[in-house]
Amino acid sequence: MPAGMVLRGVQARERAEAAFARLRAWDTEANNGVLIYLLLADHRLEIVADRGLAGLVSSEQWRGVCLLMEERLRAGEPEQAVVVGVAAVSDLLAHHFPQRDGVADADELPNLPRILD
């Protein structure tokens, strides 16, 4: 997070929600976009999920994803933390939004990590 934002008191969650909007992660047909926001400098991790996941994925399940990632971060493995986090989120999405037979599975959002300024 830029130093100016830190000085203004912007919290990681607020920044994650702004990134979610800026990256248009809400722009999916099923409203099931998810952003994993990892702020290494502050040791903060936020998951922002679109409204299509409300009522489907519990706060405990999202916290479970965070715990998996935090375990790898504490072990000094930030890349592995991201890998396990993305895999856990993918499993949740596949459970609630399974691929349908005969329907092409098209990515509506880019899947590559983004470094935000």
PDB file of N, CA and C in Angstrom:
ATOM      1  N   MET A   1       0.855  -1.167   0.000  1.00  0.00           N
ATOM      2  CA  MET A   1       0.000   0.000   0.000  1.00  0.00           C
ATOM      3  C   MET A   1       0.904   1.232   0.000  1.00  0.00           C
ATOM      4  N   PRO A   2       0.619   2.210  -0.833  1.00  0.00           N
ATOM      5  CA  PRO A   2       1.441   3.409  -0.858  1.00  0.00           C
ATOM      6  C   PRO A   2       1.485   4.096   0.503  1.00  0.00           C
ATOM      7  N   ALA A   3       2.632   4.705   0.818  1.00  0.00           N
ATOM      8  CA  ALA A   3       2.842   5.340   2.123  1.00  0.00           C
ATOM      9  C   ALA A   3       1.776   6.392   2.417  1.00  0.00           C
ATOM     10  N   GLY A   4       1.366   7.146   1.418  1.00  0.00           N
ATOM     11  CA  GLY A   4       0.344   8.172   1.623  1.00  0.00           C
ATOM     12  C   GLY A   4      -0.958   7.592   2.144  1.00  0.00           C
ATOM     13  N   MET A   5      -1.319   6.439   1.646  1.00  0.00           N
ATOM     14  CA  MET A   5      -2.547   5.788   2.110  1.00  0.00           C
ATOM     15  C   MET A   5      -2.400   5.330   3.556  1.00  0.00           C
ATOM     16  N   VAL A   6      -1.237   4.817   3.884  1.00  0.00           N
ATOM     17  CA  VAL A   6      -0.986   4.380   5.261  1.00  0.00           C
ATOM     18  C   VAL A   6      -1.105   5.576   6.199  1.00  0.00           C
ATOM     19  N   LEU A   7      -0.497   6.697   5.815  1.00  0.00           N
ATOM     20  CA  LEU A   7      -0.538   7.899   6.645  1.00  0.00           C
ATOM     21  C   LEU A   7      -1.956   8.442   6.794  1.00  0.00           C
ATOM     22  N   ARG A   8      -2.790   8.249   5.778  1.00  0.00           N
ATOM     23  CA  ARG A   8      -4.185   8.698   5.859  1.00  0.00           C
ATOM     24  C   ARG A   8      -5.058   7.722   6.640  1.00  0.00           C
ATOM     25  N   GLY A   9      -4.482   6.606   7.053  1.00  0.00           N
ATOM     26  CA  GLY A   9      -5.234   5.647   7.856  1.00  0.00           C
ATOM     27  C   GLY A   9      -6.067   4.659   7.066  1.00  0.00           C
ATOM     28  N   VAL A  10      -5.783   4.529   5.771  1.00  0.00           N
ATOM     29  CA  VAL A  10      -6.525   3.562   4.966  1.00  0.00           C
ATOM     30  C   VAL A  10      -6.179   2.156   5.450  1.00  0.00           C
ATOM     31  N   GLN A  11      -7.198   1.385   5.746  1.00  0.00           N
ATOM     32  CA  GLN A  11      -7.009   0.026   6.243  1.00  0.00           C
ATOM     33  C   GLN A  11      -6.903  -0.957   5.075  1.00  0.00           C
ATOM     34  N   ALA A  12      -6.309  -2.107   5.341  1.00  0.00           N
ATOM     35  CA  ALA A  12      -6.118  -3.125   4.305  1.00  0.00           C
ATOM     36  C   ALA A  12      -7.445  -3.551   3.691  1.00  0.00           C
ATOM     37  N   ARG A  13      -8.479  -3.709   4.497  1.00  0.00           N
ATOM     38  CA  ARG A  13      -9.780  -4.137   3.968  1.00  0.00           C
ATOM     39  C   ARG A  13     -10.338  -3.109   2.996  1.00  0.00           C
ATOM     40  N   GLU A  14     -10.215  -1.856   3.360  1.00  0.00           N
ATOM     41  CA  GLU A  14     -10.687  -0.770   2.509  1.00  0.00           C
ATOM     42  C   GLU A  14      -9.934  -0.768   1.179  1.00  0.00           C
ATOM     43  N   ARG A  15      -8.641  -0.948   1.253  1.00  0.00           N
ATOM     44  CA  ARG A  15      -7.807  -1.000   0.050  1.00  0.00           C
ATOM     45  C   ARG A  15      -8.169  -2.223  -0.799  1.00  0.00           C
ATOM     46  N   ALA A  16      -8.430  -3.357  -0.160  1.00  0.00           N
ATOM     47  CA  ALA A  16      -8.808  -4.571  -0.885  1.00  0.00           C
ATOM     48  C   ALA A  16     -10.134  -4.372  -1.613  1.00  0.00           C
ATOM     49  N   GLU A  17     -11.092  -3.755  -0.952  1.00  0.00           N
ATOM     50  CA  GLU A  17     -12.384  -3.500  -1.589  1.00  0.00           C
ATOM     51  C   GLU A  17     -12.253  -2.542  -2.763  1.00  0.00           C
ATOM     52  N   ALA A  18     -11.383  -1.540  -2.622  1.00  0.00           N
ATOM     53  CA  ALA A  18     -11.144  -0.611  -3.723  1.00  0.00           C
ATOM     54  C   ALA A  18     -10.467  -1.333  -4.894  1.00  0.00           C
ATOM     55  N   ALA A  19      -9.537  -2.223  -4.588  1.00  0.00           N
ATOM     56  CA  ALA A  19      -8.869  -3.005  -5.638  1.00  0.00           C
ATOM     57  C   ALA A  19      -9.859  -3.924  -6.332  1.00  0.00           C
ATOM     58  N   PHE A  20     -10.755  -4.524  -5.568  1.00  0.00           N
ATOM     59  CA  PHE A  20     -11.794  -5.394  -6.124  1.00  0.00           C
ATOM     60  C   PHE A  20     -12.597  -4.632  -7.168  1.00  0.00           C
ATOM     61  N   ALA A  21     -12.976  -3.409  -6.839  1.00  0.00           N
ATOM     62  CA  ALA A  21     -13.748  -2.575  -7.768  1.00  0.00           C
ATOM     63  C   ALA A  21     -12.886  -2.135  -8.952  1.00  0.00           C
ATOM     64  N   ARG A  22     -11.676  -1.686  -8.679  1.00  0.00           N
ATOM     65  CA  ARG A  22     -10.793  -1.202  -9.743  1.00  0.00           C
ATOM     66  C   ARG A  22     -10.476  -2.294 -10.760  1.00  0.00           C
ATOM     67  N   LEU A  23     -10.306  -3.505 -10.271  1.00  0.00           N
ATOM     68  CA  LEU A  23     -10.008  -4.639 -11.156  1.00  0.00           C
ATOM     69  C   LEU A  23     -11.272  -5.237 -11.765  1.00  0.00           C
ATOM     70  N   ARG A  24     -12.408  -4.688 -11.397  1.00  0.00           N
ATOM     71  CA  ARG A  24     -13.713  -5.145 -11.908  1.00  0.00           C
ATOM     72  C   ARG A  24     -13.938  -6.627 -11.631  1.00  0.00           C
ATOM     73  N   ALA A  25     -13.516  -7.070 -10.443  1.00  0.00           N
ATOM     74  CA  ALA A  25     -13.689  -8.468 -10.069  1.00  0.00           C
ATOM     75  C   ALA A  25     -15.162  -8.823  -9.897  1.00  0.00           C
ATOM     76  N   TRP A  26     -16.012  -7.833  -9.812  1.00  0.00           N
ATOM     77  CA  TRP A  26     -17.453  -8.031  -9.714  1.00  0.00           C
ATOM     78  C   TRP A  26     -18.088  -8.257 -11.074  1.00  0.00           C
ATOM     79  N   ASP A  27     -17.321  -8.145 -12.130  1.00  0.00           N
ATOM     80  CA  ASP A  27     -17.847  -8.164 -13.488  1.00  0.00           C
ATOM     81  C   ASP A  27     -17.914  -9.585 -14.050  1.00  0.00           C
ATOM     82  N   THR A  28     -18.681 -10.457 -13.389  1.00  0.00           N
ATOM     83  CA  THR A  28     -18.881 -11.822 -13.865  1.00  0.00           C
ATOM     84  C   THR A  28     -20.374 -12.105 -13.933  1.00  0.00           C
ATOM     85  N   GLU A  29     -20.765 -12.993 -14.793  1.00  0.00           N
ATOM     86  CA  GLU A  29     -22.178 -13.313 -14.975  1.00  0.00           C
ATOM     87  C   GLU A  29     -22.823 -13.807 -13.685  1.00  0.00           C
ATOM     88  N   ALA A  30     -22.115 -14.645 -12.933  1.00  0.00           N
ATOM     89  CA  ALA A  30     -22.664 -15.214 -11.703  1.00  0.00           C
ATOM     90  C   ALA A  30     -22.341 -14.380 -10.462  1.00  0.00           C
ATOM     91  N   ASN A  31     -21.704 -13.229 -10.652  1.00  0.00           N
ATOM     92  CA  ASN A  31     -21.308 -12.383  -9.515  1.00  0.00           C
ATOM     93  C   ASN A  31     -20.519 -13.183  -8.487  1.00  0.00           C
ATOM     94  N   ASN A  32     -19.532 -13.942  -8.981  1.00  0.00           N
ATOM     95  CA  ASN A  32     -18.759 -14.807  -8.098  1.00  0.00           C
ATOM     96  C   ASN A  32     -17.254 -14.537  -8.155  1.00  0.00           C
ATOM     97  N   GLY A  33     -16.893 -13.310  -8.465  1.00  0.00           N
ATOM     98  CA  GLY A  33     -15.484 -12.944  -8.460  1.00  0.00           C
ATOM     99  C   GLY A  33     -14.923 -12.924  -7.050  1.00  0.00           C
ATOM    100  N   VAL A  34     -13.640 -13.271  -6.933  1.00  0.00           N
ATOM    101  CA  VAL A  34     -12.965 -13.283  -5.632  1.00  0.00           C
ATOM    102  C   VAL A  34     -11.604 -12.628  -5.797  1.00  0.00           C
ATOM    103  N   LEU A  35     -11.249 -11.796  -4.840  1.00  0.00           N
ATOM    104  CA  LEU A  35      -9.934 -11.171  -4.810  1.00  0.00           C
ATOM    105  C   LEU A  35      -9.227 -11.592  -3.528  1.00  0.00           C
ATOM    106  N   ILE A  36      -8.029 -12.120  -3.682  1.00  0.00           N
ATOM    107  CA  ILE A  36      -7.170 -12.392  -2.526  1.00  0.00           C
ATOM    108  C   ILE A  36      -6.174 -11.252  -2.477  1.00  0.00           C
ATOM    109  N   TYR A  37      -6.235 -10.464  -1.424  1.00  0.00           N
ATOM    110  CA  TYR A  37      -5.384  -9.273  -1.287  1.00  0.00           C
ATOM    111  C   TYR A  37      -4.355  -9.563  -0.211  1.00  0.00           C
ATOM    112  N   LEU A  38      -3.110  -9.612  -0.618  1.00  0.00           N
ATOM    113  CA  LEU A  38      -2.010  -9.927   0.295  1.00  0.00           C
ATOM    114  C   LEU A  38      -1.122  -8.699   0.410  1.00  0.00           C
ATOM    115  N   LEU A  39      -1.054  -8.157   1.608  1.00  0.00           N
ATOM    116  CA  LEU A  39      -0.238  -6.976   1.879  1.00  0.00           C
ATOM    117  C   LEU A  39       0.935  -7.433   2.729  1.00  0.00           C
ATOM    118  N   LEU A  40       2.035  -7.760   2.066  1.00  0.00           N
ATOM    119  CA  LEU A  40       3.190  -8.337   2.747  1.00  0.00           C
ATOM    120  C   LEU A  40       3.789  -7.408   3.798  1.00  0.00           C
ATOM    121  N   ALA A  41       3.868  -6.123   3.491  1.00  0.00           N
ATOM    122  CA  ALA A  41       4.511  -5.181   4.416  1.00  0.00           C
ATOM    123  C   ALA A  41       3.806  -5.131   5.761  1.00  0.00           C
ATOM    124  N   ASP A  42       2.484  -5.199   5.750  1.00  0.00           N
ATOM    125  CA  ASP A  42       1.709  -5.125   6.992  1.00  0.00           C
ATOM    126  C   ASP A  42       1.271  -6.489   7.496  1.00  0.00           C
ATOM    127  N   HIS A  43       1.689  -7.531   6.797  1.00  0.00           N
ATOM    128  CA  HIS A  43       1.285  -8.895   7.158  1.00  0.00           C
ATOM    129  C   HIS A  43      -0.237  -8.999   7.251  1.00  0.00           C
ATOM    130  N   ARG A  44      -0.915  -8.466   6.237  1.00  0.00           N
ATOM    131  CA  ARG A  44      -2.377  -8.479   6.188  1.00  0.00           C
ATOM    132  C   ARG A  44      -2.831  -9.283   4.982  1.00  0.00           C
ATOM    133  N   LEU A  45      -3.931  -9.955   5.164  1.00  0.00           N
ATOM    134  CA  LEU A  45      -4.523 -10.779   4.130  1.00  0.00           C
ATOM    135  C   LEU A  45      -6.019 -10.526   4.163  1.00  0.00           C
ATOM    136  N   GLU A  46      -6.578 -10.181   3.029  1.00  0.00           N
ATOM    137  CA  GLU A  46      -8.021  -9.929   2.936  1.00  0.00           C
ATOM    138  C   GLU A  46      -8.561 -10.694   1.734  1.00  0.00           C
ATOM    139  N   ILE A  47      -9.741 -11.251   1.891  1.00  0.00           N
ATOM    140  CA  ILE A  47     -10.438 -11.893   0.781  1.00  0.00           C
ATOM    141  C   ILE A  47     -11.735 -11.135   0.577  1.00  0.00           C
ATOM    142  N   VAL A  48     -11.940 -10.663  -0.645  1.00  0.00           N
ATOM    143  CA  VAL A  48     -13.161  -9.956  -1.000  1.00  0.00           C
ATOM    144  C   VAL A  48     -13.889 -10.821  -2.018  1.00  0.00           C
ATOM    145  N   ALA A  49     -15.131 -11.154  -1.719  1.00  0.00           N
ATOM    146  CA  ALA A  49     -15.932 -12.000  -2.603  1.00  0.00           C
ATOM    147  C   ALA A  49     -17.179 -11.241  -3.049  1.00  0.00           C
ATOM    148  N   ASP A  50     -17.573 -11.471  -4.271  1.00  0.00           N
ATOM    149  CA  ASP A  50     -18.743 -10.810  -4.827  1.00  0.00           C
ATOM    150  C   ASP A  50     -20.027 -11.371  -4.212  1.00  0.00           C
ATOM    151  N   ARG A  51     -21.101 -10.659  -4.431  1.00  0.00           N
ATOM    152  CA  ARG A  51     -22.385 -10.963  -3.804  1.00  0.00           C
ATOM    153  C   ARG A  51     -22.951 -12.328  -4.188  1.00  0.00           C
ATOM    154  N   GLY A  52     -22.536 -12.896  -5.301  1.00  0.00           N
ATOM    155  CA  GLY A  52     -23.021 -14.222  -5.689  1.00  0.00           C
ATOM    156  C   GLY A  52     -22.559 -15.324  -4.757  1.00  0.00           C
ATOM    157  N   LEU A  53     -21.568 -15.038  -3.932  1.00  0.00           N
ATOM    158  CA  LEU A  53     -21.062 -16.025  -2.973  1.00  0.00           C
ATOM    159  C   LEU A  53     -21.644 -15.837  -1.580  1.00  0.00           C
ATOM    160  N   ALA A  54     -22.352 -14.736  -1.374  1.00  0.00           N
ATOM    161  CA  ALA A  54     -22.978 -14.481  -0.064  1.00  0.00           C
ATOM    162  C   ALA A  54     -23.995 -15.575   0.225  1.00  0.00           C
ATOM    163  N   GLY A  55     -23.933 -16.122   1.401  1.00  0.00           N
ATOM    164  CA  GLY A  55     -24.846 -17.188   1.782  1.00  0.00           C
ATOM    165  C   GLY A  55     -24.414 -18.569   1.316  1.00  0.00           C
ATOM    166  N   LEU A  56     -23.419 -18.619   0.446  1.00  0.00           N
ATOM    167  CA  LEU A  56     -22.903 -19.905  -0.030  1.00  0.00           C
ATOM    168  C   LEU A  56     -21.619 -20.287   0.693  1.00  0.00           C
ATOM    169  N   VAL A  57     -20.743 -19.299   0.848  1.00  0.00           N
ATOM    170  CA  VAL A  57     -19.458 -19.529   1.514  1.00  0.00           C
ATOM    171  C   VAL A  57     -19.498 -18.775   2.838  1.00  0.00           C
ATOM    172  N   SER A  58     -19.284 -19.492   3.913  1.00  0.00           N
ATOM    173  CA  SER A  58     -19.366 -18.878   5.237  1.00  0.00           C
ATOM    174  C   SER A  58     -18.089 -18.108   5.572  1.00  0.00           C
ATOM    175  N   SER A  59     -18.204 -17.243   6.557  1.00  0.00           N
ATOM    176  CA  SER A  59     -17.021 -16.512   7.012  1.00  0.00           C
ATOM    177  C   SER A  59     -15.979 -17.480   7.566  1.00  0.00           C
ATOM    178  N   GLU A  60     -16.422 -18.597   8.134  1.00  0.00           N
ATOM    179  CA  GLU A  60     -15.479 -19.610   8.626  1.00  0.00           C
ATOM    180  C   GLU A  60     -14.701 -20.247   7.476  1.00  0.00           C
ATOM    181  N   GLN A  61     -15.368 -20.452   6.345  1.00  0.00           N
ATOM    182  CA  GLN A  61     -14.673 -21.023   5.187  1.00  0.00           C
ATOM    183  C   GLN A  61     -13.644 -20.039   4.631  1.00  0.00           C
ATOM    184  N   TRP A  62     -14.010 -18.765   4.559  1.00  0.00           N
ATOM    185  CA  TRP A  62     -13.044 -17.757   4.102  1.00  0.00           C
ATOM    186  C   TRP A  62     -11.884 -17.684   5.086  1.00  0.00           C
ATOM    187  N   ARG A  63     -12.186 -17.750   6.372  1.00  0.00           N
ATOM    188  CA  ARG A  63     -11.126 -17.724   7.389  1.00  0.00           C
ATOM    189  C   ARG A  63     -10.222 -18.938   7.252  1.00  0.00           C
ATOM    190  N   GLY A  64     -10.788 -20.086   6.890  1.00  0.00           N
ATOM    191  CA  GLY A  64      -9.987 -21.287   6.650  1.00  0.00           C
ATOM    192  C   GLY A  64      -8.984 -21.089   5.527  1.00  0.00           C
ATOM    193  N   VAL A  65      -9.398 -20.395   4.468  1.00  0.00           N
ATOM    194  CA  VAL A  65      -8.475 -20.084   3.376  1.00  0.00           C
ATOM    195  C   VAL A  65      -7.342 -19.215   3.908  1.00  0.00           C
ATOM    196  N   CYS A  66      -7.698 -18.209   4.683  1.00  0.00           N
ATOM    197  CA  CYS A  66      -6.687 -17.317   5.262  1.00  0.00           C
ATOM    198  C   CYS A  66      -5.715 -18.088   6.142  1.00  0.00           C
ATOM    199  N   LEU A  67      -6.231 -19.002   6.958  1.00  0.00           N
ATOM    200  CA  LEU A  67      -5.367 -19.785   7.847  1.00  0.00           C
ATOM    201  C   LEU A  67      -4.372 -20.630   7.058  1.00  0.00           C
ATOM    202  N   LEU A  68      -4.830 -21.234   5.972  1.00  0.00           N
ATOM    203  CA  LEU A  68      -3.917 -22.011   5.118  1.00  0.00           C
ATOM    204  C   LEU A  68      -2.792 -21.123   4.593  1.00  0.00           C
ATOM    205  N   MET A  69      -3.168 -19.941   4.138  1.00  0.00           N
ATOM    206  CA  MET A  69      -2.177 -19.016   3.595  1.00  0.00           C
ATOM    207  C   MET A  69      -1.241 -18.507   4.680  1.00  0.00           C
ATOM    208  N   GLU A  70      -1.794 -18.170   5.841  1.00  0.00           N
ATOM    209  CA  GLU A  70      -0.978 -17.656   6.939  1.00  0.00           C
ATOM    210  C   GLU A  70       0.052 -18.680   7.396  1.00  0.00           C
ATOM    211  N   GLU A  71      -0.326 -19.935   7.373  1.00  0.00           N
ATOM    212  CA  GLU A  71       0.614 -21.001   7.749  1.00  0.00           C
ATOM    213  C   GLU A  71       1.834 -21.010   6.828  1.00  0.00           C
ATOM    214  N   ARG A  72       1.616 -20.884   5.544  1.00  0.00           N
ATOM    215  CA  ARG A  72       2.720 -20.868   4.582  1.00  0.00           C
ATOM    216  C   ARG A  72       3.518 -19.567   4.691  1.00  0.00           C
ATOM    217  N   LEU A  73       2.835 -18.462   4.979  1.00  0.00           N
ATOM    218  CA  LEU A  73       3.541 -17.191   5.141  1.00  0.00           C
ATOM    219  C   LEU A  73       4.458 -17.242   6.353  1.00  0.00           C
ATOM    220  N   ARG A  74       3.980 -17.819   7.458  1.00  0.00           N
ATOM    221  CA  ARG A  74       4.816 -17.946   8.660  1.00  0.00           C
ATOM    222  C   ARG A  74       6.023 -18.840   8.401  1.00  0.00           C
ATOM    223  N   ALA A  75       5.877 -19.772   7.482  1.00  0.00           N
ATOM    224  CA  ALA A  75       6.974 -20.674   7.140  1.00  0.00           C
ATOM    225  C   ALA A  75       7.952 -20.009   6.167  1.00  0.00           C
ATOM    226  N   GLY A  76       7.675 -18.750   5.806  1.00  0.00           N
ATOM    227  CA  GLY A  76       8.565 -18.038   4.886  1.00  0.00           C
ATOM    228  C   GLY A  76       8.378 -18.450   3.437  1.00  0.00           C
ATOM    229  N   GLU A  77       7.173 -18.897   3.098  1.00  0.00           N
ATOM    230  CA  GLU A  77       6.885 -19.376   1.748  1.00  0.00           C
ATOM    231  C   GLU A  77       5.741 -18.570   1.119  1.00  0.00           C
ATOM    232  N   PRO A  78       5.988 -17.304   0.764  1.00  0.00           N
ATOM    233  CA  PRO A  78       4.891 -16.481   0.235  1.00  0.00           C
ATOM    234  C   PRO A  78       4.308 -17.006  -1.076  1.00  0.00           C
ATOM    235  N   GLU A  79       5.157 -17.554  -1.942  1.00  0.00           N
ATOM    236  CA  GLU A  79       4.635 -18.083  -3.207  1.00  0.00           C
ATOM    237  C   GLU A  79       3.709 -19.264  -2.948  1.00  0.00           C
ATOM    238  N   GLN A  80       4.104 -20.157  -2.045  1.00  0.00           N
ATOM    239  CA  GLN A  80       3.277 -21.306  -1.714  1.00  0.00           C
ATOM    240  C   GLN A  80       1.990 -20.865  -1.025  1.00  0.00           C
ATOM    241  N   ALA A  81       2.057 -19.795  -0.255  1.00  0.00           N
ATOM    242  CA  ALA A  81       0.854 -19.260   0.384  1.00  0.00           C
ATOM    243  C   ALA A  81      -0.176 -18.864  -0.665  1.00  0.00           C
ATOM    244  N   VAL A  82       0.295 -18.205  -1.696  1.00  0.00           N
ATOM    245  CA  VAL A  82      -0.613 -17.798  -2.773  1.00  0.00           C
ATOM    246  C   VAL A  82      -1.172 -19.027  -3.485  1.00  0.00           C
ATOM    247  N   VAL A  83      -0.328 -19.996  -3.751  1.00  0.00           N
ATOM    248  CA  VAL A  83      -0.764 -21.208  -4.456  1.00  0.00           C
ATOM    249  C   VAL A  83      -1.850 -21.928  -3.654  1.00  0.00           C
ATOM    250  N   VAL A  84      -1.635 -22.127  -2.348  1.00  0.00           N
ATOM    251  CA  VAL A  84      -2.647 -22.841  -1.555  1.00  0.00           C
ATOM    252  C   VAL A  84      -3.917 -22.005  -1.404  1.00  0.00           C
ATOM    253  N   GLY A  85      -3.774 -20.691  -1.331  1.00  0.00           N
ATOM    254  CA  GLY A  85      -4.948 -19.830  -1.230  1.00  0.00           C
ATOM    255  C   GLY A  85      -5.794 -19.874  -2.488  1.00  0.00           C
ATOM    256  N   VAL A  86      -5.141 -19.775  -3.626  1.00  0.00           N
ATOM    257  CA  VAL A  86      -5.867 -19.826  -4.897  1.00  0.00           C
ATOM    258  C   VAL A  86      -6.522 -21.193  -5.071  1.00  0.00           C
ATOM    259  N   ALA A  87      -5.822 -22.255  -4.698  1.00  0.00           N
ATOM    260  CA  ALA A  87      -6.393 -23.598  -4.811  1.00  0.00           C
ATOM    261  C   ALA A  87      -7.625 -23.746  -3.910  1.00  0.00           C
ATOM    262  N   ALA A  88      -7.555 -23.229  -2.690  1.00  0.00           N
ATOM    263  CA  ALA A  88      -8.680 -23.331  -1.763  1.00  0.00           C
ATOM    264  C   ALA A  88      -9.884 -22.536  -2.263  1.00  0.00           C
ATOM    265  N   VAL A  89      -9.638 -21.337  -2.781  1.00  0.00           N
ATOM    266  CA  VAL A  89     -10.726 -20.531  -3.338  1.00  0.00           C
ATOM    267  C   VAL A  89     -11.302 -21.234  -4.565  1.00  0.00           C
ATOM    268  N   SER A  90     -10.445 -21.790  -5.397  1.00  0.00           N
ATOM    269  CA  SER A  90     -10.912 -22.517  -6.588  1.00  0.00           C
ATOM    270  C   SER A  90     -11.809 -23.684  -6.203  1.00  0.00           C
ATOM    271  N   ASP A  91     -11.439 -24.401  -5.142  1.00  0.00           N
ATOM    272  CA  ASP A  91     -12.269 -25.513  -4.671  1.00  0.00           C
ATOM    273  C   ASP A  91     -13.648 -25.027  -4.226  1.00  0.00           C
ATOM    274  N   LEU A  92     -13.688 -23.908  -3.505  1.00  0.00           N
ATOM    275  CA  LEU A  92     -14.971 -23.351  -3.074  1.00  0.00           C
ATOM    276  C   LEU A  92     -15.826 -22.942  -4.275  1.00  0.00           C
ATOM    277  N   LEU A  93     -15.197 -22.293  -5.245  1.00  0.00           N
ATOM    278  CA  LEU A  93     -15.932 -21.873  -6.431  1.00  0.00           C
ATOM    279  C   LEU A  93     -16.447 -23.069  -7.219  1.00  0.00           C
ATOM    280  N   ALA A  94     -15.612 -24.099  -7.378  1.00  0.00           N
ATOM    281  CA  ALA A  94     -16.016 -25.293  -8.123  1.00  0.00           C
ATOM    282  C   ALA A  94     -17.177 -26.000  -7.431  1.00  0.00           C
ATOM    283  N   HIS A  95     -17.186 -25.965  -6.108  1.00  0.00           N
ATOM    284  CA  HIS A  95     -18.271 -26.601  -5.362  1.00  0.00           C
ATOM    285  C   HIS A  95     -19.598 -25.879  -5.599  1.00  0.00           C
ATOM    286  N   HIS A  96     -19.575 -24.564  -5.542  1.00  0.00           N
ATOM    287  CA  HIS A  96     -20.809 -23.787  -5.645  1.00  0.00           C
ATOM    288  C   HIS A  96     -21.182 -23.408  -7.071  1.00  0.00           C
ATOM    289  N   PHE A  97     -20.209 -23.418  -7.955  1.00  0.00           N
ATOM    290  CA  PHE A  97     -20.451 -23.073  -9.354  1.00  0.00           C
ATOM    291  C   PHE A  97     -19.768 -24.108 -10.243  1.00  0.00           C
ATOM    292  N   PRO A  98     -20.253 -25.353 -10.188  1.00  0.00           N
ATOM    293  CA  PRO A  98     -19.574 -26.408 -10.957  1.00  0.00           C
ATOM    294  C   PRO A  98     -19.716 -26.179 -12.461  1.00  0.00           C
ATOM    295  N   GLN A  99     -18.748 -26.696 -13.177  1.00  0.00           N
ATOM    296  CA  GLN A  99     -18.812 -26.621 -14.628  1.00  0.00           C
ATOM    297  C   GLN A  99     -19.968 -27.490 -15.094  1.00  0.00           C
ATOM    298  N   ARG A 100     -20.740 -26.979 -16.023  1.00  0.00           N
ATOM    299  CA  ARG A 100     -21.904 -27.711 -16.532  1.00  0.00           C
ATOM    300  C   ARG A 100     -21.536 -28.424 -17.821  1.00  0.00           C
ATOM    301  N   ASP A 101     -22.033 -29.649 -17.954  1.00  0.00           N
ATOM    302  CA  ASP A 101     -21.782 -30.429 -19.164  1.00  0.00           C
ATOM    303  C   ASP A 101     -22.292 -29.675 -20.383  1.00  0.00           C
ATOM    304  N   GLY A 102     -21.465 -29.653 -21.411  1.00  0.00           N
ATOM    305  CA  GLY A 102     -21.851 -29.014 -22.664  1.00  0.00           C
ATOM    306  C   GLY A 102     -21.714 -27.516 -22.679  1.00  0.00           C
ATOM    307  N   VAL A 103     -21.291 -26.924 -21.573  1.00  0.00           N
ATOM    308  CA  VAL A 103     -21.113 -25.467 -21.511  1.00  0.00           C
ATOM    309  C   VAL A 103     -19.629 -25.182 -21.385  1.00  0.00           C
ATOM    310  N   ALA A 104     -19.118 -24.410 -22.313  1.00  0.00           N
ATOM    311  CA  ALA A 104     -17.688 -24.071 -22.290  1.00  0.00           C
ATOM    312  C   ALA A 104     -17.357 -23.289 -21.029  1.00  0.00           C
ATOM    313  N   ASP A 105     -16.224 -23.603 -20.447  1.00  0.00           N
ATOM    314  CA  ASP A 105     -15.766 -22.906 -19.245  1.00  0.00           C
ATOM    315  C   ASP A 105     -14.840 -21.787 -19.679  1.00  0.00           C
ATOM    316  N   ALA A 106     -15.357 -20.567 -19.716  1.00  0.00           N
ATOM    317  CA  ALA A 106     -14.574 -19.413 -20.156  1.00  0.00           C
ATOM    318  C   ALA A 106     -14.202 -18.562 -18.950  1.00  0.00           C
ATOM    319  N   ASP A 107     -12.940 -18.191 -18.859  1.00  0.00           N
ATOM    320  CA  ASP A 107     -12.507 -17.285 -17.799  1.00  0.00           C
ATOM    321  C   ASP A 107     -13.052 -15.894 -18.100  1.00  0.00           C
ATOM    322  N   GLU A 108     -13.775 -15.348 -17.153  1.00  0.00           N
ATOM    323  CA  GLU A 108     -14.330 -14.006 -17.333  1.00  0.00           C
ATOM    324  C   GLU A 108     -13.386 -12.933 -16.808  1.00  0.00           C
ATOM    325  N   LEU A 109     -12.452 -13.338 -15.963  1.00  0.00           N
ATOM    326  CA  LEU A 109     -11.496 -12.409 -15.370  1.00  0.00           C
ATOM    327  C   LEU A 109     -10.086 -12.956 -15.560  1.00  0.00           C
ATOM    328  N   PRO A 110      -9.094 -12.086 -15.604  1.00  0.00           N
ATOM    329  CA  PRO A 110      -7.709 -12.571 -15.686  1.00  0.00           C
ATOM    330  C   PRO A 110      -7.330 -13.313 -14.399  1.00  0.00           C
ATOM    331  N   ASN A 111      -6.511 -14.318 -14.537  1.00  0.00           N
ATOM    332  CA  ASN A 111      -6.118 -15.134 -13.398  1.00  0.00           C
ATOM    333  C   ASN A 111      -4.702 -14.854 -12.893  1.00  0.00           C
ATOM    334  N   LEU A 112      -3.995 -13.987 -13.561  1.00  0.00           N
ATOM    335  CA  LEU A 112      -2.627 -13.708 -13.172  1.00  0.00           C
ATOM    336  C   LEU A 112      -2.571 -12.786 -11.945  1.00  0.00           C
ATOM    337  N   PRO A 113      -1.572 -12.984 -11.100  1.00  0.00           N
ATOM    338  CA  PRO A 113      -1.409 -12.072  -9.949  1.00  0.00           C
ATOM    339  C   PRO A 113      -1.147 -10.647 -10.437  1.00  0.00           C
ATOM    340  N   ARG A 114      -1.597  -9.699  -9.662  1.00  0.00           N
ATOM    341  CA  ARG A 114      -1.367  -8.283  -9.978  1.00  0.00           C
ATOM    342  C   ARG A 114      -0.673  -7.619  -8.806  1.00  0.00           C
ATOM    343  N   ILE A 115       0.339  -6.860  -9.091  1.00  0.00           N
ATOM    344  CA  ILE A 115       0.997  -6.061  -8.070  1.00  0.00           C
ATOM    345  C   ILE A 115       0.398  -4.661  -8.197  1.00  0.00           C
ATOM    346  N   LEU A 116      -0.236  -4.196  -7.139  1.00  0.00           N
ATOM    347  CA  LEU A 116      -0.924  -2.910  -7.165  1.00  0.00           C
ATOM    348  C   LEU A 116      -0.036  -1.813  -6.615  1.00  0.00           C
ATOM    349  N   ASP A 117      -0.209  -0.658  -7.149  1.00  0.00           N
ATOM    350  CA  ASP A 117       0.536   0.508  -6.660  1.00  0.00           C
ATOM    351  C   ASP A 117      -0.365   1.423  -5.894  1.00  0.00           C
TER     352      ASP A 117
END
